[in-house]
Amino acid sequence: MLFVVFFTDALKSPLASSYFNEKGWEQKGKVYEHLGINFFRKLLVWVGWEKVIRKSSPIEKNTEALMNLYYRTKKSELDHVIILLIVLGFNVFVAFKFGLIKSLSLLILNILLNLYPIFLQRYNRPRIQRALNLSRRR
């Protein structure tokens, strides 16, 4: 994870790809709500992750801070997508080499530690975009 974070930091990309735009099938986050994103958000608060993140990067109430947060959701999503794909490769290898049952724990961890964080970023980004639009109007 640390290597991927350093790698994407070094890219200094504006992350302007249309991949990061909200898709119609996401139904304004309803898909993620059906997949349990609100439970995952509560889980992050319960384990203390939210407190750790807010301590290192608190949310301020200005347009520049919202723009930074919007960019960080894209970067975090990219980091998790890269790691998801790498771990998925290992998962397929373990499944073929040692069997599906032995690869199941790796798959579950990959879903919890990478897929759901991707869902969370995709769920939050349109909400941040709406707040940004309101902030810019003022």
C-alpha atoms as a PDB file:
ATOM      1  CA  MET A   1       0.000   0.000   0.000  1.00  0.00           C
ATOM      2  CA  LEU A   2       2.780   2.387   0.934  1.00  0.00           C
ATOM      3  CA  PHE A   3       4.538   1.826  -2.398  1.00  0.00           C
ATOM      4  CA  VAL A   4       1.318   2.502  -4.318  1.00  0.00           C
ATOM      5  CA  VAL A   5       0.686   5.703  -2.346  1.00  0.00           C
ATOM      6  CA  PHE A   6       4.214   6.946  -3.073  1.00  0.00           C
ATOM      7  CA  PHE A   7       3.849   5.958  -6.729  1.00  0.00           C
ATOM      8  CA  THR A   8       0.567   7.822  -7.228  1.00  0.00           C
ATOM      9  CA  ASP A   9       1.925  10.817  -5.292  1.00  0.00           C
ATOM     10  CA  ALA A  10       4.919  10.941  -7.628  1.00  0.00           C
ATOM     11  CA  LEU A  11       2.658  10.972 -10.682  1.00  0.00           C
ATOM     12  CA  LYS A  12       1.185  14.362  -9.722  1.00  0.00           C
ATOM     13  CA  SER A  13      -1.694  13.598 -12.075  1.00  0.00           C
ATOM     14  CA  PRO A  14      -4.802  15.823 -12.018  1.00  0.00           C
ATOM     15  CA  LEU A  15      -6.851  12.581 -12.224  1.00  0.00           C
ATOM     16  CA  ALA A  16      -9.199  14.114 -14.782  1.00  0.00           C
ATOM     17  CA  SER A  17     -10.287  10.813 -16.344  1.00  0.00           C
ATOM     18  CA  SER A  18     -13.993  10.305 -16.962  1.00  0.00           C
ATOM     19  CA  TYR A  19     -13.643   7.112 -14.899  1.00  0.00           C
ATOM     20  CA  PHE A  20     -13.929   9.260 -11.768  1.00  0.00           C
ATOM     21  CA  ASN A  21     -17.231  10.842 -12.846  1.00  0.00           C
ATOM     22  CA  GLU A  22     -20.473   9.603 -11.357  1.00  0.00           C
ATOM     23  CA  LYS A  23     -22.116   7.015 -13.605  1.00  0.00           C
ATOM     24  CA  GLY A  24     -25.841   6.703 -14.219  1.00  0.00           C
ATOM     25  CA  TRP A  25     -25.953   3.156 -12.862  1.00  0.00           C
ATOM     26  CA  GLU A  26     -24.703   4.392  -9.490  1.00  0.00           C
ATOM     27  CA  GLN A  27     -28.128   6.041  -9.012  1.00  0.00           C
ATOM     28  CA  LYS A  28     -26.798   8.849  -6.801  1.00  0.00           C
ATOM     29  CA  GLY A  29     -25.255   6.345  -4.392  1.00  0.00           C
ATOM     30  CA  LYS A  30     -28.286   4.060  -4.019  1.00  0.00           C
ATOM     31  CA  VAL A  31     -26.321   1.085  -5.412  1.00  0.00           C
ATOM     32  CA  TYR A  32     -23.673   1.534  -2.725  1.00  0.00           C
ATOM     33  CA  GLU A  33     -26.313   1.895  -0.017  1.00  0.00           C
ATOM     34  CA  HIS A  34     -27.812  -1.444  -1.123  1.00  0.00           C
ATOM     35  CA  LEU A  35     -24.318  -2.971  -0.945  1.00  0.00           C
ATOM     36  CA  GLY A  36     -23.956  -1.860   2.685  1.00  0.00           C
ATOM     37  CA  ILE A  37     -21.788   1.247   2.398  1.00  0.00           C
ATOM     38  CA  ASN A  38     -23.483   2.861   5.398  1.00  0.00           C
ATOM     39  CA  PHE A  39     -22.583  -0.162   7.542  1.00  0.00           C
ATOM     40  CA  PHE A  40     -18.996   0.085   6.273  1.00  0.00           C
ATOM     41  CA  ARG A  41     -18.898   3.791   7.189  1.00  0.00           C
ATOM     42  CA  LYS A  42     -20.103   2.962  10.708  1.00  0.00           C
ATOM     43  CA  LEU A  43     -17.489   0.201  10.906  1.00  0.00           C
ATOM     44  CA  LEU A  44     -14.739   2.712  10.059  1.00  0.00           C
ATOM     45  CA  VAL A  45     -15.930   4.967  12.891  1.00  0.00           C
ATOM     46  CA  TRP A  46     -16.194   2.015  15.272  1.00  0.00           C
ATOM     47  CA  VAL A  47     -12.631   0.800  14.635  1.00  0.00           C
ATOM     48  CA  GLY A  48     -11.285   4.357  14.937  1.00  0.00           C
ATOM     49  CA  TRP A  49     -10.172   4.843  11.332  1.00  0.00           C
ATOM     50  CA  GLU A  50     -12.291   7.954  10.871  1.00  0.00           C
ATOM     51  CA  LYS A  51     -10.666   9.600  13.888  1.00  0.00           C
ATOM     52  CA  VAL A  52      -7.164   8.804  12.601  1.00  0.00           C
ATOM     53  CA  ILE A  53      -7.940  10.232   9.144  1.00  0.00           C
ATOM     54  CA  ARG A  54      -9.592  13.391  10.489  1.00  0.00           C
ATOM     55  CA  LYS A  55      -6.655  14.013  12.814  1.00  0.00           C
ATOM     56  CA  SER A  56      -4.159  13.872   9.937  1.00  0.00           C
ATOM     57  CA  SER A  57      -6.379  15.793   7.500  1.00  0.00           C
ATOM     58  CA  PRO A  58      -9.233  17.681   9.152  1.00  0.00           C
ATOM     59  CA  ILE A  59     -12.122  18.918   7.033  1.00  0.00           C
ATOM     60  CA  GLU A  60     -12.242  22.692   6.794  1.00  0.00           C
ATOM     61  CA  LYS A  61     -15.232  24.711   5.671  1.00  0.00           C
ATOM     62  CA  ASN A  62     -13.909  26.491   2.601  1.00  0.00           C
ATOM     63  CA  THR A  63     -13.884  25.899  -1.133  1.00  0.00           C
ATOM     64  CA  GLU A  64     -10.167  25.139  -1.378  1.00  0.00           C
ATOM     65  CA  ALA A  65     -10.418  22.473   1.326  1.00  0.00           C
ATOM     66  CA  LEU A  66     -13.392  20.903  -0.456  1.00  0.00           C
ATOM     67  CA  MET A  67     -11.455  20.860  -3.732  1.00  0.00           C
ATOM     68  CA  ASN A  68      -8.546  19.169  -1.949  1.00  0.00           C
ATOM     69  CA  LEU A  69     -10.894  16.613  -0.384  1.00  0.00           C
ATOM     70  CA  TYR A  70     -12.479  15.972  -3.799  1.00  0.00           C
ATOM     71  CA  TYR A  71      -9.022  15.300  -5.295  1.00  0.00           C
ATOM     72  CA  ARG A  72      -8.054  13.057  -2.367  1.00  0.00           C
ATOM     73  CA  THR A  73     -11.137  10.885  -2.978  1.00  0.00           C
ATOM     74  CA  LYS A  74      -9.913  10.325  -6.532  1.00  0.00           C
ATOM     75  CA  LYS A  75      -6.382   9.565  -5.398  1.00  0.00           C
ATOM     76  CA  SER A  76      -7.545   7.216  -2.667  1.00  0.00           C
ATOM     77  CA  GLU A  77      -9.802   5.419  -5.115  1.00  0.00           C
ATOM     78  CA  LEU A  78      -6.933   5.016  -7.584  1.00  0.00           C
ATOM     79  CA  ASP A  79      -4.668   3.671  -4.818  1.00  0.00           C
ATOM     80  CA  HIS A  80      -7.283   1.103  -3.799  1.00  0.00           C
ATOM     81  CA  VAL A  81      -8.024   0.091  -7.411  1.00  0.00           C
ATOM     82  CA  ILE A  82      -4.335  -0.621  -8.033  1.00  0.00           C
ATOM     83  CA  ILE A  83      -4.015  -2.635  -4.839  1.00  0.00           C
ATOM     84  CA  LEU A  84      -7.307  -4.449  -5.507  1.00  0.00           C
ATOM     85  CA  LEU A  85      -6.011  -5.606  -8.889  1.00  0.00           C
ATOM     86  CA  ILE A  86      -2.628  -6.689  -7.494  1.00  0.00           C
ATOM     87  CA  VAL A  87      -4.211  -8.654  -4.643  1.00  0.00           C
ATOM     88  CA  LEU A  88      -6.787 -10.112  -7.041  1.00  0.00           C
ATOM     89  CA  GLY A  89      -3.893 -11.472  -9.103  1.00  0.00           C
ATOM     90  CA  PHE A  90      -2.428 -13.106  -6.013  1.00  0.00           C
ATOM     91  CA  ASN A  91      -5.907 -14.361  -5.118  1.00  0.00           C
ATOM     92  CA  VAL A  92      -6.276 -16.117  -8.476  1.00  0.00           C
ATOM     93  CA  PHE A  93      -2.800 -17.631  -8.089  1.00  0.00           C
ATOM     94  CA  VAL A  94      -3.605 -18.929  -4.586  1.00  0.00           C
ATOM     95  CA  ALA A  95      -6.945 -20.306  -5.799  1.00  0.00           C
ATOM     96  CA  PHE A  96      -5.279 -22.308  -8.590  1.00  0.00           C
ATOM     97  CA  LYS A  97      -2.272 -23.387  -6.539  1.00  0.00           C
ATOM     98  CA  PHE A  98      -3.932 -24.179  -3.180  1.00  0.00           C
ATOM     99  CA  GLY A  99      -7.675 -24.275  -3.879  1.00  0.00           C
ATOM    100  CA  LEU A 100     -10.644 -21.952  -3.598  1.00  0.00           C
ATOM    101  CA  ILE A 101     -11.174 -22.488   0.121  1.00  0.00           C
ATOM    102  CA  LYS A 102      -7.646 -21.373   0.977  1.00  0.00           C
ATOM    103  CA  SER A 103      -7.995 -18.274  -1.186  1.00  0.00           C
ATOM    104  CA  LEU A 104     -11.314 -17.272   0.370  1.00  0.00           C
ATOM    105  CA  SER A 105      -9.798 -15.330   3.280  1.00  0.00           C
ATOM    106  CA  LEU A 106      -7.641 -13.326   0.878  1.00  0.00           C
ATOM    107  CA  LEU A 107     -10.707 -12.535  -1.221  1.00  0.00           C
ATOM    108  CA  ILE A 108     -12.703 -11.405   1.818  1.00  0.00           C
ATOM    109  CA  LEU A 109      -9.855  -9.180   3.000  1.00  0.00           C
ATOM    110  CA  ASN A 110      -9.496  -7.719  -0.504  1.00  0.00           C
ATOM    111  CA  ILE A 111     -13.194  -6.881  -0.557  1.00  0.00           C
ATOM    112  CA  LEU A 112     -13.095  -5.267   2.891  1.00  0.00           C
ATOM    113  CA  LEU A 113      -9.787  -3.433   2.543  1.00  0.00           C
ATOM    114  CA  ASN A 114      -9.970  -2.365  -1.110  1.00  0.00           C
ATOM    115  CA  LEU A 115     -13.356  -2.807  -2.794  1.00  0.00           C
ATOM    116  CA  TYR A 116     -15.431  -1.156  -0.077  1.00  0.00           C
ATOM    117  CA  PRO A 117     -13.046   1.815   0.197  1.00  0.00           C
ATOM    118  CA  ILE A 118     -13.483   2.255  -3.575  1.00  0.00           C
ATOM    119  CA  PHE A 119     -17.244   2.178  -3.102  1.00  0.00           C
ATOM    120  CA  LEU A 120     -16.914   4.714  -0.289  1.00  0.00           C
ATOM    121  CA  GLN A 121     -14.933   7.161  -2.438  1.00  0.00           C
ATOM    122  CA  ARG A 122     -17.418   6.791  -5.299  1.00  0.00           C
ATOM    123  CA  TYR A 123     -20.268   7.314  -2.815  1.00  0.00           C
ATOM    124  CA  ASN A 124     -18.723  10.419  -1.233  1.00  0.00           C
ATOM    125  CA  ARG A 125     -17.383  12.186  -4.321  1.00  0.00           C
ATOM    126  CA  PRO A 126     -20.780  13.302  -5.760  1.00  0.00           C
ATOM    127  CA  ARG A 127     -21.762  14.583  -2.310  1.00  0.00           C
ATOM    128  CA  ILE A 128     -18.531  16.574  -2.103  1.00  0.00           C
ATOM    129  CA  GLN A 129     -19.141  17.856  -5.642  1.00  0.00           C
ATOM    130  CA  ARG A 130     -22.579  19.168  -4.620  1.00  0.00           C
ATOM    131  CA  ALA A 131     -21.019  20.901  -1.592  1.00  0.00           C
ATOM    132  CA  LEU A 132     -18.349  22.372  -3.867  1.00  0.00           C
ATOM    133  CA  ASN A 133     -21.006  23.710  -6.245  1.00  0.00           C
ATOM    134  CA  LEU A 134     -22.850  25.328  -3.343  1.00  0.00           C
ATOM    135  CA  SER A 135     -19.605  26.780  -1.982  1.00  0.00           C
ATOM    136  CA  ARG A 136     -18.685  28.289  -5.342  1.00  0.00           C
ATOM    137  CA  ARG A 137     -22.083  29.998  -5.671  1.00  0.00           C
ATOM    138  CA  ARG A 138     -21.476  31.957  -2.472  1.00  0.00           C
END
